[in-house]
Amino acid sequence: MRKESYLYTRLAGGTVECGTCRRRCVIPESGWGWCRTRVNEGGRLYSEIYGEVSSVSINPIEKKPVFHFHPGSRWLSLGSVGCNFRCPGCQNWEIAHWSEGPPGTEYVAPEEAVSKARSAGCLGISWTFNEPTVWFEYTFDSARLAKSGGLRTNYVTNGFMTEEALGMIAPFLDVYRVDIKGFSENTYERMGHIGKFRGILETARKAKECGMHVEVVTNITPGVNDDKAELRAIASWIRNTLGPGTPWHVTRFHPNHELRNLPPTPISLLEKARVMGKDEGLWYVYLGNVPGHPGENTCCHACGELLIERHIFEIKTCKIRGNRCPECGTAIPGEFSRNRLARTL
């Protein structure tokens, strides 16, 4: 479905500048933005994927991954097509790297998405699988409707949105799960085909300031973004900017798309990254995509008590009472409640 963009500027000669992501594409008449989901027709910018859903499922919040926001809760998870990055090892490249032709989607109105989430007993709605910013109009309308209906909301994002986009959706967004793919322009050029990445850090900082729950993921890819100095710099930035209680997930890369020739990330490297994060002062550094590894679990940062035991996306035990460690009484950063189960669609 087509929808006029909420964030763009008209320029001379029928050209427009998109204000949704930090590429700020300047698009001539009949031209398309870099993401190939937005078109300029008659000096107006339109999203071509409003409500066009390629993937829909009910997932535990741990799959995002988010570990400190109502562990065990279930979320209606929606994805569309397209992205403002073209990561060579993207796990969802079939939809995220879509650029033309029939998108293979089904229209789901915001009202229908909210109804599905509520009838299934979900805690909230998550926009994931592809970059939520590229169908911003839909996620904004849906988030506003979800919040008015008592649901929580979650962006799983690469963080390359503009300040205007964040400011617009912030009142209706609860959880901001952001990828920090590296800590240099060279790494971001290889991963996302962008030269400047500092805006991603600034947007994450502002999301935190707006009161969102923020968690960070770095999917460590051998030979691409595994530089130890950069990993340590990410951890240091999280501590200084988002706070030491902000969870950092260092996750295992599995060969895919253009990087099928690479091996999976050595578990030893993930373990070293986890130690580096702890050494830099982070309280909660999780090791992901390695089922059964103790790095999936949550332990109190003050006394070391095992609080949440996980296996993949399943909560095996949860000892947190309110938001405190039952052993020493220390407050655990995040929001915690009794596990919630959702019915299948």
C-alpha atoms as a PDB file:
ATOM      1  CA  MET A   1       0.000   0.000   0.000  1.00  0.00           C
ATOM      2  CA  ARG A   2       1.200   3.501  -0.776  1.00  0.00           C
ATOM      3  CA  LYS A   3       1.414   6.217   1.897  1.00  0.00           C
ATOM      4  CA  GLU A   4       2.851   9.713   1.708  1.00  0.00           C
ATOM      5  CA  SER A   5       5.998   9.992   3.786  1.00  0.00           C
ATOM      6  CA  TYR A   6       5.748  11.807   7.103  1.00  0.00           C
ATOM      7  CA  LEU A   7       9.290  13.157   6.942  1.00  0.00           C
ATOM      8  CA  TYR A   8      10.588  14.826   3.795  1.00  0.00           C
ATOM      9  CA  THR A   9      11.439  18.262   2.428  1.00  0.00           C
ATOM     10  CA  ARG A  10      10.452  19.600  -0.965  1.00  0.00           C
ATOM     11  CA  LEU A  11      13.329  21.113  -2.928  1.00  0.00           C
ATOM     12  CA  ALA A  12      13.568  23.019  -6.181  1.00  0.00           C
ATOM     13  CA  GLY A  13      12.554  21.404  -9.459  1.00  0.00           C
ATOM     14  CA  GLY A  14      10.323  18.755  -7.919  1.00  0.00           C
ATOM     15  CA  THR A  15      13.202  17.135  -6.014  1.00  0.00           C
ATOM     16  CA  VAL A  16      12.658  15.976  -2.439  1.00  0.00           C
ATOM     17  CA  GLU A  17      14.938  15.114   0.478  1.00  0.00           C
ATOM     18  CA  CYS A  18      13.907  12.153   2.613  1.00  0.00           C
ATOM     19  CA  GLY A  19      14.142  12.799   6.346  1.00  0.00           C
ATOM     20  CA  THR A  20      13.537   9.290   7.659  1.00  0.00           C
ATOM     21  CA  CYS A  21      17.044   7.814   7.751  1.00  0.00           C
ATOM     22  CA  ARG A  22      20.439   9.439   7.937  1.00  0.00           C
ATOM     23  CA  ARG A  23      21.174   8.883   4.264  1.00  0.00           C
ATOM     24  CA  ARG A  24      18.810  11.816   3.661  1.00  0.00           C
ATOM     25  CA  CYS A  25      18.437  10.802   0.031  1.00  0.00           C
ATOM     26  CA  VAL A  26      17.866  13.650  -2.419  1.00  0.00           C
ATOM     27  CA  ILE A  27      15.445  12.128  -4.909  1.00  0.00           C
ATOM     28  CA  PRO A  28      14.471  13.590  -8.291  1.00  0.00           C
ATOM     29  CA  GLU A  29      10.993  13.201  -9.724  1.00  0.00           C
ATOM     30  CA  SER A  30      10.217   9.556 -10.554  1.00  0.00           C
ATOM     31  CA  GLY A  31      13.332   8.559  -8.613  1.00  0.00           C
ATOM     32  CA  TRP A  32      13.732   6.144  -5.746  1.00  0.00           C
ATOM     33  CA  GLY A  33      15.558   6.392  -2.440  1.00  0.00           C
ATOM     34  CA  TRP A  34      18.589   4.222  -1.680  1.00  0.00           C
ATOM     35  CA  CYS A  35      16.379   1.746   0.203  1.00  0.00           C
ATOM     36  CA  ARG A  36      14.180   1.311  -2.903  1.00  0.00           C
ATOM     37  CA  THR A  37      11.029   1.561  -0.778  1.00  0.00           C
ATOM     38  CA  ARG A  38      10.359   5.286  -1.338  1.00  0.00           C
ATOM     39  CA  VAL A  39       9.542   7.056  -4.585  1.00  0.00           C
ATOM     40  CA  ASN A  40       9.167  10.691  -5.603  1.00  0.00           C
ATOM     41  CA  GLU A  41       6.066  11.255  -7.684  1.00  0.00           C
ATOM     42  CA  GLY A  42       5.103  14.797  -8.588  1.00  0.00           C
ATOM     43  CA  GLY A  43       7.329  16.298  -5.924  1.00  0.00           C
ATOM     44  CA  ARG A  44       5.824  14.182  -3.140  1.00  0.00           C
ATOM     45  CA  LEU A  45       7.589  11.318  -1.424  1.00  0.00           C
ATOM     46  CA  TYR A  46       5.701   8.065  -0.933  1.00  0.00           C
ATOM     47  CA  SER A  47       6.384   4.863   0.952  1.00  0.00           C
ATOM     48  CA  GLU A  48       5.491   1.882  -1.215  1.00  0.00           C
ATOM     49  CA  ILE A  49       5.428  -0.677   1.620  1.00  0.00           C
ATOM     50  CA  TYR A  50       2.943   0.747   4.110  1.00  0.00           C
ATOM     51  CA  GLY A  51       1.454  -2.234   5.951  1.00  0.00           C
ATOM     52  CA  GLU A  52       3.105  -4.711   3.581  1.00  0.00           C
ATOM     53  CA  VAL A  53       4.073  -7.561   5.906  1.00  0.00           C
ATOM     54  CA  SER A  54       6.530 -10.206   4.709  1.00  0.00           C
ATOM     55  CA  SER A  55       6.936 -11.979   8.053  1.00  0.00           C
ATOM     56  CA  VAL A  56       4.634 -12.330  11.040  1.00  0.00           C
ATOM     57  CA  SER A  57       5.046 -14.524  14.107  1.00  0.00           C
ATOM     58  CA  ILE A  58       4.815 -14.547  17.868  1.00  0.00           C
ATOM     59  CA  ASN A  59       8.254 -14.604  19.473  1.00  0.00           C
ATOM     60  CA  PRO A  60       9.673 -14.385  22.969  1.00  0.00           C
ATOM     61  CA  ILE A  61      11.365 -11.076  23.707  1.00  0.00           C
ATOM     62  CA  GLU A  62      14.615 -13.046  24.104  1.00  0.00           C
ATOM     63  CA  LYS A  63      14.703 -13.618  20.338  1.00  0.00           C
ATOM     64  CA  LYS A  64      15.283  -9.909  19.609  1.00  0.00           C
ATOM     65  CA  PRO A  65      17.481 -10.362  21.746  1.00  0.00           C
ATOM     66  CA  VAL A  66      16.220  -8.368  24.724  1.00  0.00           C
ATOM     67  CA  PHE A  67      16.925  -9.839  28.169  1.00  0.00           C
ATOM     68  CA  HIS A  68      16.000  -7.131  30.666  1.00  0.00           C
ATOM     69  CA  PHE A  69      12.468  -6.192  29.597  1.00  0.00           C
ATOM     70  CA  HIS A  70       9.809  -8.574  30.881  1.00  0.00           C
ATOM     71  CA  PRO A  71      11.737 -11.819  30.289  1.00  0.00           C
ATOM     72  CA  GLY A  72       9.579 -14.606  28.908  1.00  0.00           C
ATOM     73  CA  SER A  73       6.990 -12.238  27.438  1.00  0.00           C
ATOM     74  CA  ARG A  74       5.687 -12.889  23.924  1.00  0.00           C
ATOM     75  CA  TRP A  75       5.501 -10.280  21.180  1.00  0.00           C
ATOM     76  CA  LEU A  76       3.751 -10.049  17.844  1.00  0.00           C
ATOM     77  CA  SER A  77       6.722  -9.659  15.488  1.00  0.00           C
ATOM     78  CA  LEU A  78       6.278  -8.014  12.107  1.00  0.00           C
ATOM     79  CA  GLY A  79       8.662  -7.427   9.223  1.00  0.00           C
ATOM     80  CA  SER A  80       8.323  -5.924   5.766  1.00  0.00           C
ATOM     81  CA  VAL A  81      10.880  -5.665   2.953  1.00  0.00           C
ATOM     82  CA  GLY A  82      13.884  -3.451   2.289  1.00  0.00           C
ATOM     83  CA  CYS A  83      16.632  -1.881   4.351  1.00  0.00           C
ATOM     84  CA  ASN A  84      18.861   1.181   4.366  1.00  0.00           C
ATOM     85  CA  PHE A  85      21.894  -1.103   4.799  1.00  0.00           C
ATOM     86  CA  ARG A  86      23.110  -4.024   2.691  1.00  0.00           C
ATOM     87  CA  CYS A  87      25.050  -6.048   5.241  1.00  0.00           C
ATOM     88  CA  PRO A  88      26.902  -8.816   3.369  1.00  0.00           C
ATOM     89  CA  GLY A  89      26.158 -11.461   6.002  1.00  0.00           C
ATOM     90  CA  CYS A  90      22.541 -10.479   6.676  1.00  0.00           C
ATOM     91  CA  GLN A  91      20.523 -13.362   8.134  1.00  0.00           C
ATOM     92  CA  ASN A  92      17.289 -12.040   6.586  1.00  0.00           C
ATOM     93  CA  TRP A  93      18.748 -10.893   3.291  1.00  0.00           C
ATOM     94  CA  GLU A  94      15.884 -12.362   1.220  1.00  0.00           C
ATOM     95  CA  ILE A  95      13.565  -9.657   2.559  1.00  0.00           C
ATOM     96  CA  ALA A  96      16.012  -7.016   3.789  1.00  0.00           C
ATOM     97  CA  HIS A  97      17.878  -6.803   0.465  1.00  0.00           C
ATOM     98  CA  TRP A  98      14.698  -6.687  -1.596  1.00  0.00           C
ATOM     99  CA  SER A  99      14.796  -3.833  -4.110  1.00  0.00           C
ATOM    100  CA  GLU A 100      12.193  -4.399  -6.823  1.00  0.00           C
ATOM    101  CA  GLY A 101       9.517  -6.696  -8.155  1.00  0.00           C
ATOM    102  CA  PRO A 102       6.590  -8.232  -6.271  1.00  0.00           C
ATOM    103  CA  PRO A 103       7.485  -8.016  -2.580  1.00  0.00           C
ATOM    104  CA  GLY A 104       5.654 -11.205  -1.575  1.00  0.00           C
ATOM    105  CA  THR A 105       3.799  -9.471   1.238  1.00  0.00           C
ATOM    106  CA  GLU A 106       0.337  -9.361   2.755  1.00  0.00           C
ATOM    107  CA  TYR A 107      -1.316  -6.125   3.851  1.00  0.00           C
ATOM    108  CA  VAL A 108      -1.946  -5.887   7.588  1.00  0.00           C
ATOM    109  CA  ALA A 109      -3.557  -2.651   8.771  1.00  0.00           C
ATOM    110  CA  PRO A 110      -2.326  -1.134  12.056  1.00  0.00           C
ATOM    111  CA  GLU A 111      -5.689  -1.891  13.640  1.00  0.00           C
ATOM    112  CA  GLU A 112      -5.408  -5.526  12.576  1.00  0.00           C
ATOM    113  CA  ALA A 113      -1.875  -5.828  13.983  1.00  0.00           C
ATOM    114  CA  VAL A 114      -3.005  -4.473  17.341  1.00  0.00           C
ATOM    115  CA  SER A 115      -6.000  -6.797  17.336  1.00  0.00           C
ATOM    116  CA  LYS A 116      -3.780  -9.808  16.564  1.00  0.00           C
ATOM    117  CA  ALA A 117      -1.408  -8.927  19.394  1.00  0.00           C
ATOM    118  CA  ARG A 118      -4.181  -8.429  21.922  1.00  0.00           C
ATOM    119  CA  SER A 119      -6.135 -11.555  20.982  1.00  0.00           C
ATOM    120  CA  ALA A 120      -2.954 -13.652  21.202  1.00  0.00           C
ATOM    121  CA  GLY A 121      -2.148 -12.347  24.678  1.00  0.00           C
ATOM    122  CA  CYS A 122       1.076 -10.653  23.605  1.00  0.00           C
ATOM    123  CA  LEU A 123       2.737  -8.044  25.768  1.00  0.00           C
ATOM    124  CA  GLY A 124       3.455  -5.913  22.736  1.00  0.00           C
ATOM    125  CA  ILE A 125       4.415  -5.498  19.089  1.00  0.00           C
ATOM    126  CA  SER A 126       7.968  -5.715  17.736  1.00  0.00           C
ATOM    127  CA  TRP A 127       9.034  -4.411  14.324  1.00  0.00           C
ATOM    128  CA  THR A 128      11.900  -6.637  13.315  1.00  0.00           C
ATOM    129  CA  PHE A 129      13.237  -8.978  10.576  1.00  0.00           C
ATOM    130  CA  ASN A 130      14.039  -5.973   8.365  1.00  0.00           C
ATOM    131  CA  GLU A 131      14.890  -2.375   9.308  1.00  0.00           C
ATOM    132  CA  PRO A 132      11.758  -0.796  10.840  1.00  0.00           C
ATOM    133  CA  THR A 133      12.795   2.713   9.795  1.00  0.00           C
ATOM    134  CA  VAL A 134      12.143   1.986   6.108  1.00  0.00           C
ATOM    135  CA  TRP A 135       8.420   1.523   6.804  1.00  0.00           C
ATOM    136  CA  PHE A 136       8.401   4.285   9.387  1.00  0.00           C
ATOM    137  CA  GLU A 137       4.913   5.551   8.588  1.00  0.00           C
ATOM    138  CA  TYR A 138       3.411   2.162   9.334  1.00  0.00           C
ATOM    139  CA  THR A 139       5.429   1.548  12.487  1.00  0.00           C
ATOM    140  CA  PHE A 140       4.557   5.020  13.769  1.00  0.00           C
ATOM    141  CA  ASP A 141       0.821   4.600  13.164  1.00  0.00           C
ATOM    142  CA  SER A 142       0.905   1.115  14.666  1.00  0.00           C
ATOM    143  CA  ALA A 143       2.963   2.158  17.702  1.00  0.00           C
ATOM    144  CA  ARG A 144       0.624   5.019  18.523  1.00  0.00           C
ATOM    145  CA  LEU A 145      -2.389   2.727  18.234  1.00  0.00           C
ATOM    146  CA  ALA A 146      -0.680  -0.039  20.236  1.00  0.00           C
ATOM    147  CA  LYS A 147       0.178   2.285  23.102  1.00  0.00           C
ATOM    148  CA  SER A 148      -3.380   3.598  23.283  1.00  0.00           C
ATOM    149  CA  GLY A 149      -4.498  -0.036  23.509  1.00  0.00           C
ATOM    150  CA  GLY A 150      -2.201  -0.889  26.419  1.00  0.00           C
ATOM    151  CA  LEU A 151       0.467  -2.745  24.431  1.00  0.00           C
ATOM    152  CA  ARG A 152       4.226  -2.257  24.630  1.00  0.00           C
ATOM    153  CA  THR A 153       6.350  -1.526  21.560  1.00  0.00           C
ATOM    154  CA  ASN A 154       9.809  -2.479  20.306  1.00  0.00           C
ATOM    155  CA  TYR A 155      12.149  -1.457  17.473  1.00  0.00           C
ATOM    156  CA  VAL A 156      14.868  -3.917  16.410  1.00  0.00           C
ATOM    157  CA  THR A 157      17.003  -1.488  14.441  1.00  0.00           C
ATOM    158  CA  ASN A 158      20.376  -0.677  12.940  1.00  0.00           C
ATOM    159  CA  GLY A 159      19.918   2.766  14.483  1.00  0.00           C
ATOM    160  CA  PHE A 160      20.463   4.785  11.296  1.00  0.00           C
ATOM    161  CA  MET A 161      17.304   6.878  11.706  1.00  0.00           C
ATOM    162  CA  THR A 162      17.225  10.665  11.816  1.00  0.00           C
ATOM    163  CA  GLU A 163      16.683  12.724  14.938  1.00  0.00           C
ATOM    164  CA  GLU A 164      13.335  13.814  13.490  1.00  0.00           C
ATOM    165  CA  ALA A 165      12.157  10.222  13.090  1.00  0.00           C
ATOM    166  CA  LEU A 166      13.222   9.276  16.596  1.00  0.00           C
ATOM    167  CA  GLY A 167      11.600  12.373  18.052  1.00  0.00           C
ATOM    168  CA  MET A 168       8.337  11.596  16.308  1.00  0.00           C
ATOM    169  CA  ILE A 169       8.042   7.964  17.401  1.00  0.00           C
ATOM    170  CA  ALA A 170       9.729   8.253  20.819  1.00  0.00           C
ATOM    171  CA  PRO A 171       6.531   8.897  22.819  1.00  0.00           C
ATOM    172  CA  PHE A 172       5.147   5.598  21.535  1.00  0.00           C
ATOM    173  CA  LEU A 173       8.237   3.371  21.692  1.00  0.00           C
ATOM    174  CA  ASP A 174       9.227   1.375  24.800  1.00  0.00           C
ATOM    175  CA  VAL A 175      12.216  -0.736  23.727  1.00  0.00           C
ATOM    176  CA  TYR A 176      15.065   0.271  21.431  1.00  0.00           C
ATOM    177  CA  ARG A 177      17.214  -2.752  20.548  1.00  0.00           C
ATOM    178  CA  VAL A 178      20.043  -1.387  18.446  1.00  0.00           C
ATOM    179  CA  ASP A 179      22.911  -2.959  16.524  1.00  0.00           C
ATOM    180  CA  ILE A 180      26.324  -1.398  17.015  1.00  0.00           C
ATOM    181  CA  LYS A 181      28.194  -3.207  14.267  1.00  0.00           C
ATOM    182  CA  GLY A 182      31.619  -1.718  14.888  1.00  0.00           C
ATOM    183  CA  PHE A 183      33.368   1.425  15.992  1.00  0.00           C
ATOM    184  CA  SER A 184      35.046   2.814  12.880  1.00  0.00           C
ATOM    185  CA  GLU A 185      34.011   4.257   9.551  1.00  0.00           C
ATOM    186  CA  ASN A 186      35.891   1.479   7.796  1.00  0.00           C
ATOM    187  CA  THR A 187      33.839  -1.219   9.529  1.00  0.00           C
ATOM    188  CA  TYR A 188      30.556   0.533   8.830  1.00  0.00           C
ATOM    189  CA  GLU A 189      31.504   1.013   5.190  1.00  0.00           C
ATOM    190  CA  ARG A 190      32.023  -2.748   4.897  1.00  0.00           C
ATOM    191  CA  MET A 191      28.928  -3.680   6.879  1.00  0.00           C
ATOM    192  CA  GLY A 192      26.319  -1.095   5.912  1.00  0.00           C
ATOM    193  CA  HIS A 193      27.810   0.919   3.054  1.00  0.00           C
ATOM    194  CA  ILE A 194      27.826   4.117   5.088  1.00  0.00           C
ATOM    195  CA  GLY A 195      30.820   6.268   5.870  1.00  0.00           C
ATOM    196  CA  LYS A 196      29.699   8.030   9.028  1.00  0.00           C
ATOM    197  CA  PHE A 197      28.394   6.016  11.950  1.00  0.00           C
ATOM    198  CA  ARG A 198      28.464   8.466  14.861  1.00  0.00           C
ATOM    199  CA  GLY A 199      24.845   9.406  14.241  1.00  0.00           C
ATOM    200  CA  ILE A 200      23.858   5.862  15.214  1.00  0.00           C
ATOM    201  CA  LEU A 201      25.478   6.383  18.596  1.00  0.00           C
ATOM    202  CA  GLU A 202      23.798   9.744  19.035  1.00  0.00           C
ATOM    203  CA  THR A 203      20.359   8.326  18.230  1.00  0.00           C
ATOM    204  CA  ALA A 204      20.858   5.524  20.762  1.00  0.00           C
ATOM    205  CA  ARG A 205      21.847   8.066  23.380  1.00  0.00           C
ATOM    206  CA  LYS A 206      18.712  10.093  22.704  1.00  0.00           C
ATOM    207  CA  ALA A 207      16.541   6.976  22.810  1.00  0.00           C
ATOM    208  CA  LYS A 208      17.885   6.359  26.314  1.00  0.00           C
ATOM    209  CA  GLU A 209      17.246   9.982  27.264  1.00  0.00           C
ATOM    210  CA  CYS A 210      13.664   9.637  26.032  1.00  0.00           C
ATOM    211  CA  GLY A 211      13.120   6.862  28.574  1.00  0.00           C
ATOM    212  CA  MET A 212      13.282   3.853  26.286  1.00  0.00           C
ATOM    213  CA  HIS A 213      14.760   0.588  27.462  1.00  0.00           C
ATOM    214  CA  VAL A 214      17.926   0.164  25.364  1.00  0.00           C
ATOM    215  CA  GLU A 215      19.932  -2.981  24.676  1.00  0.00           C
ATOM    216  CA  VAL A 216      22.864  -3.294  22.259  1.00  0.00           C
ATOM    217  CA  VAL A 217      23.866  -6.154  19.952  1.00  0.00           C
ATOM    218  CA  THR A 218      27.154  -6.710  18.149  1.00  0.00           C
ATOM    219  CA  ASN A 219      27.121  -9.711  15.841  1.00  0.00           C
ATOM    220  CA  ILE A 220      30.834 -10.512  15.644  1.00  0.00           C
ATOM    221  CA  THR A 221      31.849 -11.582  12.143  1.00  0.00           C
ATOM    222  CA  PRO A 222      35.325 -13.115  11.691  1.00  0.00           C
ATOM    223  CA  GLY A 223      37.642 -10.807   9.773  1.00  0.00           C
ATOM    224  CA  VAL A 224      34.980  -8.132   9.382  1.00  0.00           C
ATOM    225  CA  ASN A 225      34.181  -6.536  12.746  1.00  0.00           C
ATOM    226  CA  ASP A 226      36.192  -8.618  15.208  1.00  0.00           C
ATOM    227  CA  ASP A 227      38.929  -6.066  15.870  1.00  0.00           C
ATOM    228  CA  LYS A 228      39.545  -6.214  19.613  1.00  0.00           C
ATOM    229  CA  ALA A 229      40.209  -2.483  19.940  1.00  0.00           C
ATOM    230  CA  GLU A 230      36.849  -1.733  18.311  1.00  0.00           C
ATOM    231  CA  LEU A 231      35.023  -4.216  20.516  1.00  0.00           C
ATOM    232  CA  ARG A 232      36.558  -2.671  23.592  1.00  0.00           C
ATOM    233  CA  ALA A 233      35.612   0.787  22.294  1.00  0.00           C
ATOM    234  CA  ILE A 234      31.977  -0.310  21.889  1.00  0.00           C
ATOM    235  CA  ALA A 235      31.901  -1.545  25.481  1.00  0.00           C
ATOM    236  CA  SER A 236      33.483   1.666  26.750  1.00  0.00           C
ATOM    237  CA  TRP A 237      30.989   3.781  24.824  1.00  0.00           C
ATOM    238  CA  ILE A 238      28.035   1.800  26.199  1.00  0.00           C
ATOM    239  CA  ARG A 239      29.310   2.255  29.756  1.00  0.00           C
ATOM    240  CA  ASN A 240      29.949   5.981  29.387  1.00  0.00           C
ATOM    241  CA  THR A 241      26.890   6.898  27.324  1.00  0.00           C
ATOM    242  CA  LEU A 242      24.109   4.423  28.065  1.00  0.00           C
ATOM    243  CA  GLY A 243      25.263   3.314  31.499  1.00  0.00           C
ATOM    244  CA  PRO A 244      26.970   0.220  32.915  1.00  0.00           C
ATOM    245  CA  GLY A 245      23.641  -1.565  33.432  1.00  0.00           C
ATOM    246  CA  THR A 246      22.874  -1.546  29.692  1.00  0.00           C
ATOM    247  CA  PRO A 247      22.956  -5.131  28.344  1.00  0.00           C
ATOM    248  CA  TRP A 248      25.446  -5.813  25.554  1.00  0.00           C
ATOM    249  CA  HIS A 249      24.877  -8.944  23.483  1.00  0.00           C
ATOM    250  CA  VAL A 250      27.929 -10.271  21.638  1.00  0.00           C
ATOM    251  CA  THR A 251      26.479 -12.810  19.244  1.00  0.00           C
ATOM    252  CA  ARG A 252      27.816 -15.539  17.008  1.00  0.00           C
ATOM    253  CA  PHE A 253      27.853 -15.011  13.253  1.00  0.00           C
ATOM    254  CA  HIS A 254      26.695 -17.926  11.109  1.00  0.00           C
ATOM    255  CA  PRO A 255      27.760 -17.950   7.419  1.00  0.00           C
ATOM    256  CA  ASN A 256      25.100 -16.498   5.146  1.00  0.00           C
ATOM    257  CA  HIS A 257      24.507 -14.618   1.890  1.00  0.00           C
ATOM    258  CA  GLU A 258      27.753 -13.047   0.592  1.00  0.00           C
ATOM    259  CA  LEU A 259      29.798 -14.313   3.546  1.00  0.00           C
ATOM    260  CA  ARG A 260      29.107 -18.015   3.208  1.00  0.00           C
ATOM    261  CA  ASN A 261      32.852 -18.557   2.818  1.00  0.00           C
ATOM    262  CA  LEU A 262      33.545 -17.430   6.380  1.00  0.00           C
ATOM    263  CA  PRO A 263      33.518 -19.732   9.403  1.00  0.00           C
ATOM    264  CA  PRO A 264      31.147 -19.230  12.318  1.00  0.00           C
ATOM    265  CA  THR A 265      32.526 -16.970  15.017  1.00  0.00           C
ATOM    266  CA  PRO A 266      34.821 -18.951  17.332  1.00  0.00           C
ATOM    267  CA  ILE A 267      33.191 -19.290  20.723  1.00  0.00           C
ATOM    268  CA  SER A 268      36.532 -18.407  22.289  1.00  0.00           C
ATOM    269  CA  LEU A 269      36.392 -14.996  20.568  1.00  0.00           C
ATOM    270  CA  LEU A 270      32.901 -14.346  21.921  1.00  0.00           C
ATOM    271  CA  GLU A 271      34.080 -15.292  25.390  1.00  0.00           C
ATOM    272  CA  LYS A 272      37.010 -12.890  25.098  1.00  0.00           C
ATOM    273  CA  ALA A 273      34.661 -10.117  23.967  1.00  0.00           C
ATOM    274  CA  ARG A 274      32.459 -10.823  26.966  1.00  0.00           C
ATOM    275  CA  VAL A 275      35.447 -10.538  29.287  1.00  0.00           C
ATOM    276  CA  MET A 276      36.472  -7.282  27.602  1.00  0.00           C
ATOM    277  CA  GLY A 277      32.995  -5.873  28.140  1.00  0.00           C
ATOM    278  CA  LYS A 278      33.112  -6.795  31.808  1.00  0.00           C
ATOM    279  CA  ASP A 279      36.618  -5.351  32.121  1.00  0.00           C
ATOM    280  CA  GLU A 280      35.314  -2.082  30.673  1.00  0.00           C
ATOM    281  CA  GLY A 281      32.752  -1.913  33.452  1.00  0.00           C
ATOM    282  CA  LEU A 282      29.594  -3.352  31.893  1.00  0.00           C
ATOM    283  CA  TRP A 283      27.464  -5.318  34.344  1.00  0.00           C
ATOM    284  CA  TYR A 284      25.600  -7.474  31.824  1.00  0.00           C
ATOM    285  CA  VAL A 285      27.404  -8.864  28.777  1.00  0.00           C
ATOM    286  CA  TYR A 286      25.597 -11.753  27.117  1.00  0.00           C
ATOM    287  CA  LEU A 287      26.922 -14.326  24.696  1.00  0.00           C
ATOM    288  CA  GLY A 288      24.389 -15.167  22.002  1.00  0.00           C
ATOM    289  CA  ASN A 289      23.675 -17.788  19.326  1.00  0.00           C
ATOM    290  CA  VAL A 290      25.495 -20.448  21.336  1.00  0.00           C
ATOM    291  CA  PRO A 291      22.707 -22.578  22.870  1.00  0.00           C
ATOM    292  CA  GLY A 292      23.385 -23.750  26.394  1.00  0.00           C
ATOM    293  CA  HIS A 293      26.313 -21.424  27.043  1.00  0.00           C
ATOM    294  CA  PRO A 294      26.292 -19.937  30.568  1.00  0.00           C
ATOM    295  CA  GLY A 295      26.798 -16.527  28.945  1.00  0.00           C
ATOM    296  CA  GLU A 296      23.056 -16.583  28.185  1.00  0.00           C
ATOM    297  CA  ASN A 297      22.203 -16.345  31.882  1.00  0.00           C
ATOM    298  CA  THR A 298      21.618 -13.275  34.044  1.00  0.00           C
ATOM    299  CA  CYS A 299      23.576 -13.044  37.287  1.00  0.00           C
ATOM    300  CA  CYS A 300      23.356 -10.226  39.808  1.00  0.00           C
ATOM    301  CA  HIS A 301      26.088  -7.694  39.119  1.00  0.00           C
ATOM    302  CA  ALA A 302      26.544  -7.107  42.829  1.00  0.00           C
ATOM    303  CA  CYS A 303      26.711 -10.586  44.379  1.00  0.00           C
ATOM    304  CA  GLY A 304      26.843 -12.951  41.385  1.00  0.00           C
ATOM    305  CA  GLU A 305      23.618 -14.806  42.242  1.00  0.00           C
ATOM    306  CA  LEU A 306      22.086 -16.662  39.270  1.00  0.00           C
ATOM    307  CA  LEU A 307      18.845 -14.778  38.593  1.00  0.00           C
ATOM    308  CA  ILE A 308      17.643 -15.967  35.183  1.00  0.00           C
ATOM    309  CA  GLU A 309      18.672 -19.252  33.602  1.00  0.00           C
ATOM    310  CA  ARG A 310      18.058 -19.467  29.855  1.00  0.00           C
ATOM    311  CA  HIS A 311      18.302 -22.068  27.147  1.00  0.00           C
ATOM    312  CA  ILE A 312      18.118 -20.461  23.699  1.00  0.00           C
ATOM    313  CA  PHE A 313      14.867 -18.437  24.003  1.00  0.00           C
ATOM    314  CA  GLU A 314      13.370 -20.318  26.937  1.00  0.00           C
ATOM    315  CA  ILE A 315      13.386 -19.075  30.518  1.00  0.00           C
ATOM    316  CA  LYS A 316      14.166 -22.090  32.704  1.00  0.00           C
ATOM    317  CA  THR A 317      14.228 -20.250  36.020  1.00  0.00           C
ATOM    318  CA  CYS A 318      13.657 -16.638  37.044  1.00  0.00           C
ATOM    319  CA  LYS A 319      14.403 -15.636  40.638  1.00  0.00           C
ATOM    320  CA  ILE A 320      14.087 -11.856  40.345  1.00  0.00           C
ATOM    321  CA  ARG A 321      11.510 -10.460  42.771  1.00  0.00           C
ATOM    322  CA  GLY A 322      10.092  -7.212  41.502  1.00  0.00           C
ATOM    323  CA  ASN A 323      13.306  -5.891  40.040  1.00  0.00           C
ATOM    324  CA  ARG A 324      15.630  -6.990  42.836  1.00  0.00           C
ATOM    325  CA  CYS A 325      18.061  -9.779  43.505  1.00  0.00           C
ATOM    326  CA  PRO A 326      16.538 -12.065  46.167  1.00  0.00           C
ATOM    327  CA  GLU A 327      19.965 -12.740  47.640  1.00  0.00           C
ATOM    328  CA  CYS A 328      21.347  -9.242  48.238  1.00  0.00           C
ATOM    329  CA  GLY A 329      18.461  -6.917  47.384  1.00  0.00           C
ATOM    330  CA  THR A 330      20.298  -5.061  44.604  1.00  0.00           C
ATOM    331  CA  ALA A 331      18.079  -3.426  41.980  1.00  0.00           C
ATOM    332  CA  ILE A 332      18.527  -5.042  38.556  1.00  0.00           C
ATOM    333  CA  PRO A 333      18.299  -2.587  35.623  1.00  0.00           C
ATOM    334  CA  GLY A 334      15.283  -3.166  33.387  1.00  0.00           C
ATOM    335  CA  GLU A 335      11.622  -4.094  33.757  1.00  0.00           C
ATOM    336  CA  PHE A 336      10.677  -7.495  35.124  1.00  0.00           C
ATOM    337  CA  SER A 337       7.369  -9.224  35.662  1.00  0.00           C
ATOM    338  CA  ARG A 338       5.935 -12.702  35.802  1.00  0.00           C
ATOM    339  CA  ASN A 339       6.378 -14.600  32.539  1.00  0.00           C
ATOM    340  CA  ARG A 340       3.571 -14.123  30.064  1.00  0.00           C
ATOM    341  CA  LEU A 341       2.564 -16.710  27.509  1.00  0.00           C
ATOM    342  CA  ALA A 342       0.853 -15.934  24.212  1.00  0.00           C
ATOM    343  CA  ARG A 343      -1.333 -18.084  22.046  1.00  0.00           C
ATOM    344  CA  THR A 344      -0.207 -18.856  18.518  1.00  0.00           C
ATOM    345  CA  LEU A 345      -1.720 -17.022  15.578  1.00  0.00           C
END
